[in-house]
N, C-alpha and C. Protein backbone atom coordinates (compact mmCIF):
# COMPACT_ATOMS: atom_id res chain seq x y z
N MET A 1 85.16 102.61 78.81
CA MET A 1 85.64 103.85 79.43
C MET A 1 84.62 104.33 80.45
N LYS A 2 85.12 104.83 81.54
CA LYS A 2 84.27 105.50 82.51
C LYS A 2 83.72 106.77 81.87
N HIS A 3 82.83 107.45 82.55
CA HIS A 3 82.32 108.71 82.00
C HIS A 3 83.45 109.72 81.86
N VAL A 4 83.27 110.64 80.95
CA VAL A 4 84.28 111.66 80.68
C VAL A 4 84.44 112.56 81.90
N THR A 5 85.67 112.72 82.35
CA THR A 5 85.92 113.60 83.49
C THR A 5 86.01 115.05 83.01
N ALA A 6 85.96 115.96 83.95
CA ALA A 6 86.05 117.38 83.62
C ALA A 6 87.38 117.68 82.91
N GLU A 7 88.46 117.14 83.42
CA GLU A 7 89.77 117.40 82.82
C GLU A 7 89.85 116.85 81.40
N GLU A 8 89.30 115.65 81.20
CA GLU A 8 89.29 115.07 79.86
C GLU A 8 88.46 115.92 78.90
N MET A 9 87.33 116.43 79.40
CA MET A 9 86.47 117.25 78.57
C MET A 9 87.15 118.58 78.21
N ILE A 10 87.78 119.19 79.17
CA ILE A 10 88.48 120.46 78.92
C ILE A 10 89.59 120.25 77.89
N ASP A 11 90.38 119.19 78.05
CA ASP A 11 91.43 118.89 77.08
C ASP A 11 90.85 118.60 75.70
N PHE A 12 89.75 117.85 75.67
CA PHE A 12 89.13 117.47 74.40
C PHE A 12 88.61 118.69 73.65
N VAL A 13 87.95 119.58 74.35
CA VAL A 13 87.34 120.74 73.69
C VAL A 13 88.39 121.79 73.34
N SER A 14 89.29 122.08 74.24
CA SER A 14 90.27 123.13 73.97
C SER A 14 91.39 122.66 73.04
N PHE A 15 91.73 121.39 73.13
CA PHE A 15 92.77 120.77 72.30
C PHE A 15 93.90 121.76 72.01
N ASP A 16 94.47 122.28 73.10
CA ASP A 16 95.46 123.35 72.98
C ASP A 16 96.90 122.87 72.82
N ARG A 17 97.09 121.56 72.81
CA ARG A 17 98.43 121.03 72.58
C ARG A 17 98.29 119.65 71.93
N ILE A 18 99.30 119.28 71.17
CA ILE A 18 99.29 117.97 70.53
C ILE A 18 100.46 117.18 71.10
N ASP A 19 100.11 116.18 71.86
CA ASP A 19 101.10 115.26 72.40
C ASP A 19 100.41 113.89 72.51
N PRO A 20 101.15 112.84 72.80
CA PRO A 20 100.54 111.51 72.85
C PRO A 20 99.37 111.41 73.84
N GLN A 21 99.49 112.05 74.99
CA GLN A 21 98.42 111.98 75.99
C GLN A 21 97.15 112.68 75.50
N THR A 22 97.30 113.84 74.89
CA THR A 22 96.14 114.58 74.38
C THR A 22 95.45 113.80 73.26
N LEU A 23 96.24 113.21 72.38
CA LEU A 23 95.66 112.42 71.29
C LEU A 23 94.95 111.18 71.82
N ALA A 24 95.53 110.52 72.81
CA ALA A 24 94.89 109.35 73.42
C ALA A 24 93.59 109.75 74.09
N ASN A 25 93.61 110.90 74.77
CA ASN A 25 92.40 111.40 75.44
C ASN A 25 91.32 111.70 74.41
N ALA A 26 91.68 112.36 73.32
CA ALA A 26 90.70 112.69 72.29
C ALA A 26 90.06 111.44 71.71
N SER A 27 90.85 110.43 71.49
CA SER A 27 90.34 109.17 70.96
C SER A 27 89.38 108.51 71.95
N ALA A 28 89.76 108.49 73.22
CA ALA A 28 88.92 107.86 74.25
C ALA A 28 87.61 108.61 74.42
N VAL A 29 87.67 109.93 74.44
CA VAL A 29 86.45 110.73 74.60
C VAL A 29 85.54 110.54 73.39
N THR A 30 86.10 110.58 72.20
CA THR A 30 85.31 110.40 70.99
C THR A 30 84.60 109.05 71.00
N THR A 31 85.31 108.02 71.37
CA THR A 31 84.72 106.68 71.43
C THR A 31 83.60 106.64 72.46
N HIS A 32 83.83 107.22 73.62
CA HIS A 32 82.84 107.17 74.70
C HIS A 32 81.57 107.95 74.36
N ILE A 33 81.70 109.15 73.81
CA ILE A 33 80.50 109.96 73.58
C ILE A 33 79.64 109.42 72.43
N ARG A 34 80.17 108.49 71.67
CA ARG A 34 79.34 107.83 70.64
C ARG A 34 78.22 107.01 71.27
N THR A 35 78.43 106.54 72.48
CA THR A 35 77.44 105.65 73.12
C THR A 35 76.89 106.20 74.44
N CYS A 36 77.36 107.35 74.88
CA CYS A 36 76.90 107.91 76.16
C CYS A 36 76.29 109.28 75.92
N SER A 37 74.97 109.33 75.92
CA SER A 37 74.29 110.60 75.63
C SER A 37 74.52 111.64 76.72
N ALA A 38 74.70 111.21 77.97
CA ALA A 38 74.93 112.18 79.05
C ALA A 38 76.26 112.91 78.84
N CYS A 39 77.30 112.17 78.53
CA CYS A 39 78.60 112.80 78.30
C CYS A 39 78.59 113.62 77.02
N LEU A 40 77.89 113.13 76.01
CA LEU A 40 77.79 113.89 74.76
C LEU A 40 77.14 115.25 75.01
N ARG A 41 76.08 115.29 75.83
CA ARG A 41 75.42 116.56 76.15
C ARG A 41 76.38 117.49 76.88
N ARG A 42 77.14 116.97 77.83
CA ARG A 42 78.09 117.80 78.58
C ARG A 42 79.18 118.34 77.66
N VAL A 43 79.72 117.49 76.81
CA VAL A 43 80.76 117.93 75.88
C VAL A 43 80.20 118.98 74.92
N ASN A 44 79.00 118.75 74.40
CA ASN A 44 78.39 119.71 73.48
C ASN A 44 78.16 121.06 74.15
N ALA A 45 77.67 121.06 75.39
CA ALA A 45 77.43 122.31 76.11
C ALA A 45 78.75 123.06 76.32
N PHE A 46 79.77 122.33 76.75
CA PHE A 46 81.08 122.93 76.97
C PHE A 46 81.64 123.48 75.65
N GLN A 47 81.51 122.70 74.58
CA GLN A 47 82.03 123.10 73.28
C GLN A 47 81.34 124.37 72.78
N MET A 48 80.02 124.43 72.95
CA MET A 48 79.26 125.59 72.49
C MET A 48 79.74 126.87 73.17
N ILE A 49 79.88 126.82 74.47
CA ILE A 49 80.30 128.01 75.21
C ILE A 49 81.76 128.34 74.91
N TYR A 50 82.60 127.33 74.87
CA TYR A 50 84.03 127.56 74.57
C TYR A 50 84.17 128.22 73.21
N ASP A 51 83.46 127.71 72.21
CA ASP A 51 83.54 128.28 70.86
C ASP A 51 83.05 129.72 70.83
N GLU A 52 81.99 130.01 71.56
CA GLU A 52 81.46 131.38 71.60
C GLU A 52 82.49 132.33 72.21
N LEU A 53 83.09 131.91 73.31
CA LEU A 53 84.11 132.75 73.95
C LEU A 53 85.32 132.94 73.02
N LYS A 54 85.73 131.87 72.37
CA LYS A 54 86.87 131.95 71.47
C LYS A 54 86.56 132.85 70.27
N ASP A 55 85.33 132.74 69.72
CA ASP A 55 84.93 133.59 68.59
C ASP A 55 84.93 135.06 68.98
N ARG A 56 84.59 135.36 70.22
CA ARG A 56 84.59 136.74 70.70
C ARG A 56 86.01 137.24 70.96
N GLY A 57 86.95 136.32 70.96
CA GLY A 57 88.34 136.70 71.24
C GLY A 57 88.56 137.01 72.71
N ASP A 58 87.68 136.49 73.56
CA ASP A 58 87.77 136.79 74.98
C ASP A 58 87.52 135.51 75.77
N LEU A 59 88.60 134.89 76.20
CA LEU A 59 88.48 133.67 76.98
C LEU A 59 88.55 133.95 78.49
N SER A 60 88.26 135.19 78.88
CA SER A 60 88.37 135.55 80.30
C SER A 60 87.38 134.78 81.18
N ALA A 61 86.27 134.32 80.60
CA ALA A 61 85.30 133.54 81.38
C ALA A 61 85.65 132.06 81.42
N LEU A 62 86.72 131.67 80.75
CA LEU A 62 87.10 130.26 80.70
C LEU A 62 87.34 129.66 82.08
N PRO A 63 87.96 130.37 83.02
CA PRO A 63 88.11 129.77 84.36
C PRO A 63 86.76 129.44 85.01
N GLN A 64 85.75 130.29 84.79
CA GLN A 64 84.43 129.99 85.34
C GLN A 64 83.84 128.75 84.67
N LEU A 65 84.06 128.63 83.38
CA LEU A 65 83.58 127.47 82.66
C LEU A 65 84.26 126.20 83.18
N ALA A 66 85.56 126.24 83.31
CA ALA A 66 86.29 125.08 83.81
C ALA A 66 85.85 124.72 85.22
N GLN A 67 85.62 125.72 86.06
CA GLN A 67 85.19 125.47 87.43
C GLN A 67 83.81 124.80 87.45
N ALA A 68 82.89 125.26 86.62
CA ALA A 68 81.56 124.66 86.57
C ALA A 68 81.63 123.22 86.06
N VAL A 69 82.48 122.99 85.08
CA VAL A 69 82.64 121.64 84.56
C VAL A 69 83.24 120.73 85.61
N ARG A 70 84.27 121.21 86.30
CA ARG A 70 84.90 120.40 87.35
C ARG A 70 83.93 120.10 88.49
N ALA A 71 83.00 121.01 88.74
CA ALA A 71 82.00 120.81 89.80
C ALA A 71 80.89 119.89 89.33
N ASP A 72 80.97 119.44 88.07
CA ASP A 72 79.98 118.55 87.48
C ASP A 72 78.59 119.18 87.46
N ALA A 73 78.57 120.47 87.21
CA ALA A 73 77.28 121.17 87.11
C ALA A 73 76.53 120.66 85.88
N PRO A 74 75.20 120.62 85.96
CA PRO A 74 74.43 120.20 84.79
C PRO A 74 74.60 121.20 83.65
N ALA A 75 74.48 120.72 82.41
CA ALA A 75 74.70 121.56 81.23
C ALA A 75 73.92 122.87 81.27
N PRO A 76 72.62 122.87 81.60
CA PRO A 76 71.91 124.16 81.62
C PRO A 76 72.49 125.15 82.63
N GLN A 77 72.97 124.65 83.75
CA GLN A 77 73.57 125.52 84.76
C GLN A 77 74.90 126.10 84.25
N ILE A 78 75.68 125.29 83.55
CA ILE A 78 76.93 125.77 82.97
C ILE A 78 76.65 126.87 81.97
N ILE A 79 75.66 126.64 81.11
CA ILE A 79 75.32 127.62 80.09
C ILE A 79 74.85 128.93 80.73
N GLU A 80 74.00 128.86 81.73
CA GLU A 80 73.50 130.07 82.40
C GLU A 80 74.64 130.82 83.09
N LEU A 81 75.51 130.10 83.76
CA LEU A 81 76.64 130.73 84.44
C LEU A 81 77.50 131.52 83.46
N LEU A 82 77.78 130.93 82.33
CA LEU A 82 78.64 131.60 81.36
C LEU A 82 77.94 132.68 80.58
N GLN A 83 76.66 132.53 80.34
CA GLN A 83 75.92 133.61 79.68
C GLN A 83 75.94 134.84 80.57
N THR A 84 75.79 134.64 81.86
CA THR A 84 75.85 135.74 82.82
C THR A 84 77.25 136.39 82.80
N ALA A 85 78.29 135.57 82.79
CA ALA A 85 79.66 136.09 82.76
C ALA A 85 79.91 136.89 81.48
N VAL A 86 79.44 136.39 80.36
CA VAL A 86 79.63 137.09 79.09
C VAL A 86 78.86 138.41 79.09
N ARG A 87 77.62 138.41 79.60
CA ARG A 87 76.84 139.66 79.67
C ARG A 87 77.53 140.69 80.53
N GLU A 88 78.10 140.25 81.67
CA GLU A 88 78.79 141.19 82.56
C GLU A 88 80.02 141.78 81.89
N ASP A 89 80.70 140.99 81.06
CA ASP A 89 81.88 141.49 80.36
C ASP A 89 81.54 142.49 79.28
N GLU A 90 80.30 142.51 78.82
CA GLU A 90 79.89 143.42 77.74
C GLU A 90 79.68 144.84 78.24
N TYR A 91 79.54 145.02 79.54
CA TYR A 91 79.28 146.36 80.07
C TYR A 91 80.53 147.07 80.47
């Protein structure tokens, strides 16, 4: 498998629907991140922020997260971008 794309990562982490394509994607991503530490780091960073937003019950920063992932921003940059978005929403 090629490296995990932004769309594959978003589908994998959000897993918001169950259909044959989503299940195939989840299987492919799981297989790939077992041997690719770069993709594993990106998926973990995305998962951490997604889970935090979901736990807060506020996914309003999700478009910013998806945009950063699609732009292939490095994990620390994604985390900083979303921490800033979450802080701004608290005020």
